[in-house]
């Protein structure tokens, strides 16, 4: 079953808000910008995480120093899952934050 457009946007909005909150509440020196549905996290060392919605595919995309990653929403388990490795978005964001900023943050399963 594919997501409706409205449900997709609600899920991405909620996910981006959740991510913003984690970064805002952390001790990391980051710039958080959410503009036109794209969430950009800029770390002190100049690297970034960029979260964008791909409406036609109903996917959430993540661009990082190590590459681009595509996530599909798993309605049964209420979480974003990488389309080829099945890694959860929350796990990948935690791993990439450690790789790019050297910081360990905890993200709820999202």
PDB file of N, CA and C in Angstrom:
ATOM      1  N   UNK A   1       0.848  -1.182   0.000  1.00  0.00           N
ATOM      2  CA  UNK A   1       0.000   0.000   0.000  1.00  0.00           C
ATOM      3  C   UNK A   1       0.891   1.242   0.000  1.00  0.00           C
ATOM      4  N   UNK A   2       0.633   2.127  -0.922  1.00  0.00           N
ATOM      5  CA  UNK A   2       1.475   3.315  -0.973  1.00  0.00           C
ATOM      6  C   UNK A   2       0.841   4.440  -0.152  1.00  0.00           C
ATOM      7  N   UNK A   3       1.696   5.317   0.324  1.00  0.00           N
ATOM      8  CA  UNK A   3       1.244   6.438   1.142  1.00  0.00           C
ATOM      9  C   UNK A   3       0.485   7.443   0.296  1.00  0.00           C
ATOM     10  N   UNK A   4      -0.517   8.052   0.888  1.00  0.00           N
ATOM     11  CA  UNK A   4      -1.161   9.177   0.207  1.00  0.00           C
ATOM     12  C   UNK A   4      -0.193  10.356   0.263  1.00  0.00           C
ATOM     13  N   UNK A   5      -0.395  11.317  -0.595  1.00  0.00           N
ATOM     14  CA  UNK A   5       0.473  12.494  -0.614  1.00  0.00           C
ATOM     15  C   UNK A   5       0.427  13.221   0.729  1.00  0.00           C
ATOM     16  N   UNK A   6      -0.770  13.391   1.264  1.00  0.00           N
ATOM     17  CA  UNK A   6      -0.920  14.105   2.539  1.00  0.00           C
ATOM     18  C   UNK A   6      -0.217  13.352   3.673  1.00  0.00           C
ATOM     19  N   UNK A   7      -0.396  12.046   3.741  1.00  0.00           N
ATOM     20  CA  UNK A   7       0.240  11.241   4.795  1.00  0.00           C
ATOM     21  C   UNK A   7       1.761  11.309   4.649  1.00  0.00           C
ATOM     22  N   UNK A   8       2.236  11.214   3.432  1.00  0.00           N
ATOM     23  CA  UNK A   8       3.675  11.293   3.178  1.00  0.00           C
ATOM     24  C   UNK A   8       4.244  12.611   3.716  1.00  0.00           C
ATOM     25  N   UNK A   9       3.605  13.723   3.381  1.00  0.00           N
ATOM     26  CA  UNK A   9       4.100  15.027   3.837  1.00  0.00           C
ATOM     27  C   UNK A   9       4.028  15.143   5.358  1.00  0.00           C
ATOM     28  N   UNK A  10       2.965  14.625   5.962  1.00  0.00           N
ATOM     29  CA  UNK A  10       2.854  14.647   7.426  1.00  0.00           C
ATOM     30  C   UNK A  10       3.998  13.862   8.073  1.00  0.00           C
ATOM     31  N   UNK A  11       4.303  12.693   7.502  1.00  0.00           N
ATOM     32  CA  UNK A  11       5.377  11.853   8.049  1.00  0.00           C
ATOM     33  C   UNK A  11       6.739  12.524   7.914  1.00  0.00           C
ATOM     34  N   UNK A  12       7.002  13.099   6.756  1.00  0.00           N
ATOM     35  CA  UNK A  12       8.291  13.771   6.554  1.00  0.00           C
ATOM     36  C   UNK A  12       8.400  14.983   7.479  1.00  0.00           C
ATOM     37  N   UNK A  13       7.325  15.757   7.579  1.00  0.00           N
ATOM     38  CA  UNK A  13       7.343  16.922   8.478  1.00  0.00           C
ATOM     39  C   UNK A  13       7.642  16.503   9.910  1.00  0.00           C
ATOM     40  N   UNK A  14       6.967  15.465  10.377  1.00  0.00           N
ATOM     41  CA  UNK A  14       7.162  14.995  11.749  1.00  0.00           C
ATOM     42  C   UNK A  14       8.582  14.471  11.944  1.00  0.00           C
ATOM     43  N   UNK A  15       9.089  13.761  10.959  1.00  0.00           N
ATOM     44  CA  UNK A  15      10.451  13.222  11.041  1.00  0.00           C
ATOM     45  C   UNK A  15      11.467  14.346  11.085  1.00  0.00           C
ATOM     46  N   UNK A  16      11.298  15.336  10.220  1.00  0.00           N
ATOM     47  CA  UNK A  16      12.238  16.454  10.211  1.00  0.00           C
ATOM     48  C   UNK A  16      12.179  17.247  11.516  1.00  0.00           C
ATOM     49  N   UNK A  17      10.998  17.425  12.071  1.00  0.00           N
ATOM     50  CA  UNK A  17      10.868  18.123  13.356  1.00  0.00           C
ATOM     51  C   UNK A  17      11.584  17.348  14.456  1.00  0.00           C
ATOM     52  N   UNK A  18      11.413  16.035  14.450  1.00  0.00           N
ATOM     53  CA  UNK A  18      12.067  15.173  15.431  1.00  0.00           C
ATOM     54  C   UNK A  18      13.588  15.312  15.319  1.00  0.00           C
ATOM     55  N   UNK A  19      14.106  15.262  14.094  1.00  0.00           N
ATOM     56  CA  UNK A  19      15.547  15.404  13.884  1.00  0.00           C
ATOM     57  C   UNK A  19      16.039  16.771  14.346  1.00  0.00           C
ATOM     58  N   UNK A  20      15.298  17.818  13.983  1.00  0.00           N
ATOM     59  CA  UNK A  20      15.655  19.173  14.421  1.00  0.00           C
ATOM     60  C   UNK A  20      15.757  19.241  15.942  1.00  0.00           C
ATOM     61  N   UNK A  21      14.767  18.669  16.622  1.00  0.00           N
ATOM     62  CA  UNK A  21      14.745  18.702  18.085  1.00  0.00           C
ATOM     63  C   UNK A  21      15.973  18.023  18.676  1.00  0.00           C
ATOM     64  N   UNK A  22      16.349  16.864  18.135  1.00  0.00           N
ATOM     65  CA  UNK A  22      17.512  16.145  18.663  1.00  0.00           C
ATOM     66  C   UNK A  22      18.775  16.990  18.503  1.00  0.00           C
ATOM     67  N   UNK A  23      18.952  17.570  17.313  1.00  0.00           N
ATOM     68  CA  UNK A  23      20.149  18.390  17.088  1.00  0.00           C
ATOM     69  C   UNK A  23      20.109  19.672  17.913  1.00  0.00           C
ATOM     70  N   UNK A  24      18.936  20.306  18.010  1.00  0.00           N
ATOM     71  CA  UNK A  24      18.815  21.532  18.800  1.00  0.00           C
ATOM     72  C   UNK A  24      19.092  21.282  20.282  1.00  0.00           C
ATOM     73  N   UNK A  25      18.679  20.117  20.781  1.00  0.00           N
ATOM     74  CA  UNK A  25      18.841  19.796  22.195  1.00  0.00           C
ATOM     75  C   UNK A  25      20.228  19.248  22.529  1.00  0.00           C
ATOM     76  N   UNK A  26      21.029  18.985  21.491  1.00  0.00           N
ATOM     77  CA  UNK A  26      22.365  18.419  21.721  1.00  0.00           C
ATOM     78  C   UNK A  26      23.351  19.540  22.064  1.00  0.00           C
ATOM     79  N   UNK A  27      24.527  19.133  22.485  1.00  0.00           N
ATOM     80  CA  UNK A  27      25.590  20.099  22.775  1.00  0.00           C
ATOM     81  C   UNK A  27      26.423  20.410  21.537  1.00  0.00           C
ATOM     82  N   UNK A  28      26.042  19.835  20.402  1.00  0.00           N
ATOM     83  CA  UNK A  28      26.792  20.052  19.167  1.00  0.00           C
ATOM     84  C   UNK A  28      26.633  21.486  18.667  1.00  0.00           C
ATOM     85  N   UNK A  29      27.690  21.992  18.082  1.00  0.00           N
ATOM     86  CA  UNK A  29      27.637  23.302  17.439  1.00  0.00           C
ATOM     87  C   UNK A  29      27.194  23.069  15.998  1.00  0.00           C
ATOM     88  N   UNK A  30      25.896  23.135  15.757  1.00  0.00           N
ATOM     89  CA  UNK A  30      25.342  22.885  14.429  1.00  0.00           C
ATOM     90  C   UNK A  30      24.422  24.024  14.016  1.00  0.00           C
ATOM     91  N   UNK A  31      24.323  24.220  12.722  1.00  0.00           N
ATOM     92  CA  UNK A  31      23.322  25.119  12.171  1.00  0.00           C
ATOM     93  C   UNK A  31      22.228  24.240  11.597  1.00  0.00           C
ATOM     94  N   UNK A  32      21.002  24.493  12.001  1.00  0.00           N
ATOM     95  CA  UNK A  32      19.855  23.727  11.528  1.00  0.00           C
ATOM     96  C   UNK A  32      18.994  24.657  10.695  1.00  0.00           C
ATOM     97  N   UNK A  33      18.732  24.249   9.463  1.00  0.00           N
ATOM     98  CA  UNK A  33      17.924  25.073   8.577  1.00  0.00           C
ATOM     99  C   UNK A  33      16.863  24.193   7.923  1.00  0.00           C
ATOM    100  N   UNK A  34      15.622  24.633   8.004  1.00  0.00           N
ATOM    101  CA  UNK A  34      14.538  23.911   7.353  1.00  0.00           C
ATOM    102  C   UNK A  34      13.856  24.896   6.416  1.00  0.00           C
ATOM    103  N   UNK A  35      14.014  24.652   5.122  1.00  0.00           N
ATOM    104  CA  UNK A  35      13.483  25.567   4.129  1.00  0.00           C
ATOM    105  C   UNK A  35      12.921  24.781   2.952  1.00  0.00           C
ATOM    106  N   UNK A  36      11.691  25.095   2.595  1.00  0.00           N
ATOM    107  CA  UNK A  36      11.024  24.458   1.450  1.00  0.00           C
ATOM    108  C   UNK A  36      11.047  22.939   1.552  1.00  0.00           C
ATOM    109  N   UNK A  37      10.884  22.434   2.775  1.00  0.00           N
ATOM    110  CA  UNK A  37      10.809  20.986   2.958  1.00  0.00           C
ATOM    111  C   UNK A  37      12.137  20.271   2.976  1.00  0.00           C
ATOM    112  N   UNK A  38      13.233  21.031   2.964  1.00  0.00           N
ATOM    113  CA  UNK A  38      14.569  20.442   3.018  1.00  0.00           C
ATOM    114  C   UNK A  38      15.213  20.819   4.347  1.00  0.00           C
ATOM    115  N   UNK A  39      15.621  19.813   5.105  1.00  0.00           N
ATOM    116  CA  UNK A  39      16.274  20.027   6.395  1.00  0.00           C
ATOM    117  C   UNK A  39      17.773  19.849   6.206  1.00  0.00           C
ATOM    118  N   UNK A  40      18.528  20.897   6.553  1.00  0.00           N
ATOM    119  CA  UNK A  40      19.982  20.842   6.425  1.00  0.00           C
ATOM    120  C   UNK A  40      20.605  20.999   7.807  1.00  0.00           C
ATOM    121  N   UNK A  41      21.477  20.049   8.151  1.00  0.00           N
ATOM    122  CA  UNK A  41      22.228  20.090   9.400  1.00  0.00           C
ATOM    123  C   UNK A  41      23.676  20.363   9.012  1.00  0.00           C
ATOM    124  N   UNK A  42      24.202  21.515   9.434  1.00  0.00           N
ATOM    125  CA  UNK A  42      25.586  21.877   9.108  1.00  0.00           C
ATOM    126  C   UNK A  42      26.423  21.751  10.375  1.00  0.00           C
ATOM    127  N   UNK A  43      27.425  20.866  10.300  1.00  0.00           N
ATOM    128  CA  UNK A  43      28.305  20.654  11.438  1.00  0.00           C
ATOM    129  C   UNK A  43      29.439  21.683  11.442  1.00  0.00           C
ATOM    130  N   UNK A  44      30.060  21.822  12.591  1.00  0.00           N
ATOM    131  CA  UNK A  44      31.123  22.805  12.784  1.00  0.00           C
ATOM    132  C   UNK A  44      32.277  22.606  11.793  1.00  0.00           C
ATOM    133  N   UNK A  45      32.531  21.355  11.402  1.00  0.00           N
ATOM    134  CA  UNK A  45      33.654  21.064  10.504  1.00  0.00           C
ATOM    135  C   UNK A  45      33.304  21.275   9.028  1.00  0.00           C
ATOM    136  N   UNK A  46      32.102  21.781   8.754  1.00  0.00           N
ATOM    137  CA  UNK A  46      31.714  22.079   7.385  1.00  0.00           C
ATOM    138  C   UNK A  46      30.936  20.981   6.676  1.00  0.00           C
ATOM    139  N   UNK A  47      30.889  19.786   7.262  1.00  0.00           N
ATOM    140  CA  UNK A  47      30.110  18.727   6.629  1.00  0.00           C
ATOM    141  C   UNK A  47      28.624  18.924   6.935  1.00  0.00           C
ATOM    142  N   UNK A  48      27.787  18.268   6.149  1.00  0.00           N
ATOM    143  CA  UNK A  48      26.343  18.452   6.282  1.00  0.00           C
ATOM    144  C   UNK A  48      25.594  17.130   6.164  1.00  0.00           C
ATOM    145  N   UNK A  49      24.403  17.131   6.719  1.00  0.00           N
ATOM    146  CA  UNK A  49      23.395  16.114   6.440  1.00  0.00           C
ATOM    147  C   UNK A  49      22.215  16.868   5.847  1.00  0.00           C
ATOM    148  N   UNK A  50      21.709  16.400   4.724  1.00  0.00           N
ATOM    149  CA  UNK A  50      20.599  17.070   4.059  1.00  0.00           C
ATOM    150  C   UNK A  50      19.472  16.066   3.863  1.00  0.00           C
ATOM    151  N   UNK A  51      18.318  16.387   4.428  1.00  0.00           N
ATOM    152  CA  UNK A  51      17.142  15.526   4.349  1.00  0.00           C
ATOM    153  C   UNK A  51      16.132  16.181   3.415  1.00  0.00           C
ATOM    154  N   UNK A  52      15.753  15.475   2.367  1.00  0.00           N
ATOM    155  CA  UNK A  52      14.795  16.048   1.422  1.00  0.00           C
ATOM    156  C   UNK A  52      13.725  15.025   1.068  1.00  0.00           C
ATOM    157  N   UNK A  53      12.567  15.539   0.731  1.00  0.00           N
ATOM    158  CA  UNK A  53      11.455  14.657   0.372  1.00  0.00           C
ATOM    159  C   UNK A  53      11.418  14.475  -1.135  1.00  0.00           C
ATOM    160  N   UNK A  54      11.183  13.259  -1.554  1.00  0.00           N
ATOM    161  CA  UNK A  54      11.020  12.945  -2.968  1.00  0.00           C
ATOM    162  C   UNK A  54       9.574  12.499  -3.152  1.00  0.00           C
ATOM    163  N   UNK A  55       8.736  13.494  -3.375  1.00  0.00           N
ATOM    164  CA  UNK A  55       7.297  13.257  -3.390  1.00  0.00           C
ATOM    165  C   UNK A  55       6.851  12.204  -4.408  1.00  0.00           C
ATOM    166  N   UNK A  56       7.319  12.250  -5.676  1.00  0.00           N
ATOM    167  CA  UNK A  56       6.830  11.259  -6.642  1.00  0.00           C
ATOM    168  C   UNK A  56       7.122   9.812  -6.214  1.00  0.00           C
ATOM    169  N   UNK A  57       8.242   9.608  -5.505  1.00  0.00           N
ATOM    170  CA  UNK A  57       8.629   8.268  -5.068  1.00  0.00           C
ATOM    171  C   UNK A  57       8.150   7.956  -3.655  1.00  0.00           C
ATOM    172  N   UNK A  58       7.627   8.969  -2.958  1.00  0.00           N
ATOM    173  CA  UNK A  58       7.234   8.840  -1.545  1.00  0.00           C
ATOM    174  C   UNK A  58       8.416   8.355  -0.713  1.00  0.00           C
ATOM    175  N   UNK A  59       9.574   8.959  -0.982  1.00  0.00           N
ATOM    176  CA  UNK A  59      10.786   8.605  -0.254  1.00  0.00           C
ATOM    177  C   UNK A  59      11.358   9.832   0.441  1.00  0.00           C
ATOM    178  N   UNK A  60      12.103   9.562   1.517  1.00  0.00           N
ATOM    179  CA  UNK A  60      12.883  10.571   2.208  1.00  0.00           C
ATOM    180  C   UNK A  60      14.330  10.303   1.828  1.00  0.00           C
ATOM    181  N   UNK A  61      15.004  11.312   1.290  1.00  0.00           N
ATOM    182  CA  UNK A  61      16.396  11.149   0.873  1.00  0.00           C
ATOM    183  C   UNK A  61      17.309  11.844   1.854  1.00  0.00           C
ATOM    184  N   UNK A  62      18.474  11.240   2.051  1.00  0.00           N
ATOM    185  CA  UNK A  62      19.486  11.770   2.952  1.00  0.00           C
ATOM    186  C   UNK A  62      20.801  11.858   2.187  1.00  0.00           C
ATOM    187  N   UNK A  63      21.345  13.060   2.107  1.00  0.00           N
ATOM    188  CA  UNK A  63      22.652  13.262   1.501  1.00  0.00           C
ATOM    189  C   UNK A  63      23.660  13.506   2.620  1.00  0.00           C
ATOM    190  N   UNK A  64      24.786  12.785   2.551  1.00  0.00           N
ATOM    191  CA  UNK A  64      25.835  12.890   3.560  1.00  0.00           C
ATOM    192  C   UNK A  64      27.185  12.851   2.860  1.00  0.00           C
ATOM    193  N   UNK A  65      28.235  13.054   3.613  1.00  0.00           N
ATOM    194  CA  UNK A  65      29.582  13.023   3.045  1.00  0.00           C
ATOM    195  C   UNK A  65      29.845  11.682   2.354  1.00  0.00           C
ATOM    196  N   UNK A  66      29.300  10.610   2.905  1.00  0.00           N
ATOM    197  CA  UNK A  66      29.571   9.269   2.367  1.00  0.00           C
ATOM    198  C   UNK A  66      28.631   8.854   1.234  1.00  0.00           C
ATOM    199  N   UNK A  67      27.663   9.704   0.889  1.00  0.00           N
ATOM    200  CA  UNK A  67      26.800   9.359  -0.239  1.00  0.00           C
ATOM    201  C   UNK A  67      25.362   9.775  -0.045  1.00  0.00           C
ATOM    202  N   UNK A  68      24.518   9.272  -0.928  1.00  0.00           N
ATOM    203  CA  UNK A  68      23.089   9.553  -0.873  1.00  0.00           C
ATOM    204  C   UNK A  68      22.326   8.289  -0.514  1.00  0.00           C
ATOM    205  N   UNK A  69      21.289   8.441   0.285  1.00  0.00           N
ATOM    206  CA  UNK A  69      20.543   7.297   0.793  1.00  0.00           C
ATOM    207  C   UNK A  69      19.046   7.557   0.655  1.00  0.00           C
ATOM    208  N   UNK A  70      18.317   6.532   0.285  1.00  0.00           N
ATOM    209  CA  UNK A  70      16.877   6.662   0.054  1.00  0.00           C
ATOM    210  C   UNK A  70      16.121   5.796   1.058  1.00  0.00           C
ATOM    211  N   UNK A  71      15.094   6.384   1.668  1.00  0.00           N
ATOM    212  CA  UNK A  71      14.316   5.691   2.693  1.00  0.00           C
ATOM    213  C   UNK A  71      12.852   5.636   2.306  1.00  0.00           C
ATOM    214  N   UNK A  72      12.250   4.483   2.572  1.00  0.00           N
ATOM    215  CA  UNK A  72      10.820   4.301   2.350  1.00  0.00           C
ATOM    216  C   UNK A  72      10.167   4.099   3.703  1.00  0.00           C
ATOM    217  N   UNK A  73       8.921   4.530   3.812  1.00  0.00           N
ATOM    218  CA  UNK A  73       8.238   4.423   5.098  1.00  0.00           C
ATOM    219  C   UNK A  73       7.589   3.052   5.238  1.00  0.00           C
ATOM    220  N   UNK A  74       7.879   2.393   6.341  1.00  0.00           N
ATOM    221  CA  UNK A  74       7.307   1.088   6.663  1.00  0.00           C
ATOM    222  C   UNK A  74       6.092   1.333   7.562  1.00  0.00           C
ATOM    223  N   UNK A  75       4.910   1.309   6.963  1.00  0.00           N
ATOM    224  CA  UNK A  75       3.674   1.591   7.708  1.00  0.00           C
ATOM    225  C   UNK A  75       3.447   0.586   8.832  1.00  0.00           C
ATOM    226  N   UNK A  76       3.772  -0.682   8.582  1.00  0.00           N
ATOM    227  CA  UNK A  76       3.519  -1.720   9.584  1.00  0.00           C
ATOM    228  C   UNK A  76       4.293  -1.481  10.873  1.00  0.00           C
ATOM    229  N   UNK A  77       5.522  -0.946  10.739  1.00  0.00           N
ATOM    230  CA  UNK A  77       6.370  -0.735  11.915  1.00  0.00           C
ATOM    231  C   UNK A  77       6.608   0.737  12.230  1.00  0.00           C
ATOM    232  N   UNK A  78       5.962   1.621  11.479  1.00  0.00           N
ATOM    233  CA  UNK A  78       6.040   3.069  11.713  1.00  0.00           C
ATOM    234  C   UNK A  78       7.468   3.592  11.778  1.00  0.00           C
ATOM    235  N   UNK A  79       8.214   3.344  10.703  1.00  0.00           N
ATOM    236  CA  UNK A  79       9.597   3.815  10.675  1.00  0.00           C
ATOM    237  C   UNK A  79      10.097   3.917   9.234  1.00  0.00           C
ATOM    238  N   UNK A  80      11.134   4.744   9.049  1.00  0.00           N
ATOM    239  CA  UNK A  80      11.782   4.907   7.747  1.00  0.00           C
ATOM    240  C   UNK A  80      12.895   3.877   7.627  1.00  0.00           C
ATOM    241  N   UNK A  81      12.915   3.166   6.491  1.00  0.00           N
ATOM    242  CA  UNK A  81      13.868   2.085   6.266  1.00  0.00           C
ATOM    243  C   UNK A  81      14.622   2.333   4.963  1.00  0.00           C
ATOM    244  N   UNK A  82      15.945   2.151   4.994  1.00  0.00           N
ATOM    245  CA  UNK A  82      16.763   2.307   3.792  1.00  0.00           C
ATOM    246  C   UNK A  82      16.297   1.320   2.736  1.00  0.00           C
ATOM    247  N   UNK A  83      16.184   1.782   1.498  1.00  0.00           N
ATOM    248  CA  UNK A  83      15.548   0.966   0.463  1.00  0.00           C
ATOM    249  C   UNK A  83      16.362  -0.235   0.007  1.00  0.00           C
ATOM    250  N   UNK A  84      17.657  -0.298   0.344  1.00  0.00           N
ATOM    251  CA  UNK A  84      18.411  -1.485  -0.073  1.00  0.00           C
ATOM    252  C   UNK A  84      19.080  -2.232   1.076  1.00  0.00           C
ATOM    253  N   UNK A  85      19.408  -1.540   2.171  1.00  0.00           N
ATOM    254  CA  UNK A  85      20.089  -2.220   3.279  1.00  0.00           C
ATOM    255  C   UNK A  85      19.163  -2.521   4.458  1.00  0.00           C
ATOM    256  N   UNK A  86      17.982  -1.917   4.457  1.00  0.00           N
ATOM    257  CA  UNK A  86      17.027  -2.040   5.562  1.00  0.00           C
ATOM    258  C   UNK A  86      17.499  -1.395   6.865  1.00  0.00           C
ATOM    259  N   UNK A  87      18.571  -0.592   6.813  1.00  0.00           N
ATOM    260  CA  UNK A  87      19.001   0.152   8.000  1.00  0.00           C
ATOM    261  C   UNK A  87      17.944   1.208   8.297  1.00  0.00           C
ATOM    262  N   UNK A  88      17.643   1.397   9.565  1.00  0.00           N
ATOM    263  CA  UNK A  88      16.670   2.406   9.951  1.00  0.00           C
ATOM    264  C   UNK A  88      17.280   3.796   9.811  1.00  0.00           C
ATOM    265  N   UNK A  89      16.432   4.760   9.487  1.00  0.00           N
ATOM    266  CA  UNK A  89      16.891   6.145   9.384  1.00  0.00           C
ATOM    267  C   UNK A  89      17.558   6.578  10.684  1.00  0.00           C
ATOM    268  N   UNK A  90      16.955   6.244  11.817  1.00  0.00           N
ATOM    269  CA  UNK A  90      17.514   6.653  13.111  1.00  0.00           C
ATOM    270  C   UNK A  90      18.916   6.078  13.311  1.00  0.00           C
ATOM    271  N   UNK A  91      19.130   4.833  12.903  1.00  0.00           N
ATOM    272  CA  UNK A  91      20.448   4.209  13.043  1.00  0.00           C
ATOM    273  C   UNK A  91      21.466   4.892  12.131  1.00  0.00           C
ATOM    274  N   UNK A  92      21.052   5.156  10.899  1.00  0.00           N
ATOM    275  CA  UNK A  92      21.981   5.776   9.961  1.00  0.00           C
ATOM    276  C   UNK A  92      22.338   7.199  10.378  1.00  0.00           C
ATOM    277  N   UNK A  93      21.357   7.968  10.833  1.00  0.00           N
ATOM    278  CA  UNK A  93      21.646   9.344  11.247  1.00  0.00           C
ATOM    279  C   UNK A  93      22.597   9.343  12.446  1.00  0.00           C
ATOM    280  N   UNK A  94      22.407   8.431  13.370  1.00  0.00           N
ATOM    281  CA  UNK A  94      23.316   8.331  14.518  1.00  0.00           C
ATOM    282  C   UNK A  94      24.726   7.973  14.044  1.00  0.00           C
ATOM    283  N   UNK A  95      24.832   7.027  13.118  1.00  0.00           N
ATOM    284  CA  UNK A  95      26.134   6.600  12.602  1.00  0.00           C
ATOM    285  C   UNK A  95      26.816   7.732  11.828  1.00  0.00           C
ATOM    286  N   UNK A  96      26.054   8.414  10.976  1.00  0.00           N
ATOM    287  CA  UNK A  96      26.630   9.501  10.177  1.00  0.00           C
ATOM    288  C   UNK A  96      27.029  10.698  11.045  1.00  0.00           C
ATOM    289  N   UNK A  97      26.263  10.974  12.093  1.00  0.00           N
ATOM    290  CA  UNK A  97      26.613  12.059  13.014  1.00  0.00           C
ATOM    291  C   UNK A  97      27.931  11.735  13.712  1.00  0.00           C
ATOM    292  N   UNK A  98      28.111  10.484  14.086  1.00  0.00           N
ATOM    293  CA  UNK A  98      29.366  10.056  14.709  1.00  0.00           C
ATOM    294  C   UNK A  98      30.510  10.175  13.704  1.00  0.00           C
ATOM    295  N   UNK A  99      30.295   9.708  12.470  1.00  0.00           N
ATOM    296  CA  UNK A  99      31.333   9.767  11.436  1.00  0.00           C
ATOM    297  C   UNK A  99      31.696  11.200  11.071  1.00  0.00           C
ATOM    298  N   UNK A 100      30.709  12.056  10.908  1.00  0.00           N
ATOM    299  CA  UNK A 100      30.960  13.404  10.404  1.00  0.00           C
ATOM    300  C   UNK A 100      31.275  14.416  11.490  1.00  0.00           C
ATOM    301  N   UNK A 101      30.704  14.250  12.671  1.00  0.00           N
ATOM    302  CA  UNK A 101      30.896  15.251  13.725  1.00  0.00           C
ATOM    303  C   UNK A 101      31.585  14.687  14.966  1.00  0.00           C
ATOM    304  N   UNK A 102      31.801  13.371  14.983  1.00  0.00           N
ATOM    305  CA  UNK A 102      32.463  12.763  16.128  1.00  0.00           C
ATOM    306  C   UNK A 102      31.617  12.765  17.388  1.00  0.00           C
ATOM    307  N   UNK A 103      30.302  12.873  17.217  1.00  0.00           N
ATOM    308  CA  UNK A 103      29.417  12.951  18.380  1.00  0.00           C
ATOM    309  C   UNK A 103      28.400  11.822  18.363  1.00  0.00           C
ATOM    310  N   UNK A 104      28.141  11.296  19.547  1.00  0.00           N
ATOM    311  CA  UNK A 104      27.121  10.261  19.673  1.00  0.00           C
ATOM    312  C   UNK A 104      25.822  10.886  20.131  1.00  0.00           C
ATOM    313  N   UNK A 105      24.817  10.778  19.298  1.00  0.00           N
ATOM    314  CA  UNK A 105      23.475  11.257  19.641  1.00  0.00           C
ATOM    315  C   UNK A 105      22.514  10.091  19.526  1.00  0.00           C
ATOM    316  N   UNK A 106      21.467  10.148  20.328  1.00  0.00           N
ATOM    317  CA  UNK A 106      20.447   9.097  20.248  1.00  0.00           C
ATOM    318  C   UNK A 106      19.229   9.633  19.528  1.00  0.00           C
ATOM    319  N   UNK A 107      18.775   8.865  18.552  1.00  0.00           N
ATOM    320  CA  UNK A 107      17.588   9.220  17.797  1.00  0.00           C
ATOM    321  C   UNK A 107      16.550   8.150  18.042  1.00  0.00           C
ATOM    322  N   UNK A 108      15.326   8.603  18.290  1.00  0.00           N
ATOM    323  CA  UNK A 108      14.241   7.630  18.437  1.00  0.00           C
ATOM    324  C   UNK A 108      14.097   6.883  17.123  1.00  0.00           C
ATOM    325  N   UNK A 109      13.533   5.703  17.204  1.00  0.00           N
ATOM    326  CA  UNK A 109      13.277   4.943  15.981  1.00  0.00           C
ATOM    327  C   UNK A 109      12.294   5.763  15.134  1.00  0.00           C
ATOM    328  N   UNK A 110      12.761   6.216  14.012  1.00  0.00           N
ATOM    329  CA  UNK A 110      11.944   7.053  13.142  1.00  0.00           C
ATOM    330  C   UNK A 110      11.969   6.534  11.727  1.00  0.00           C
TER     331      UNK A 110
END
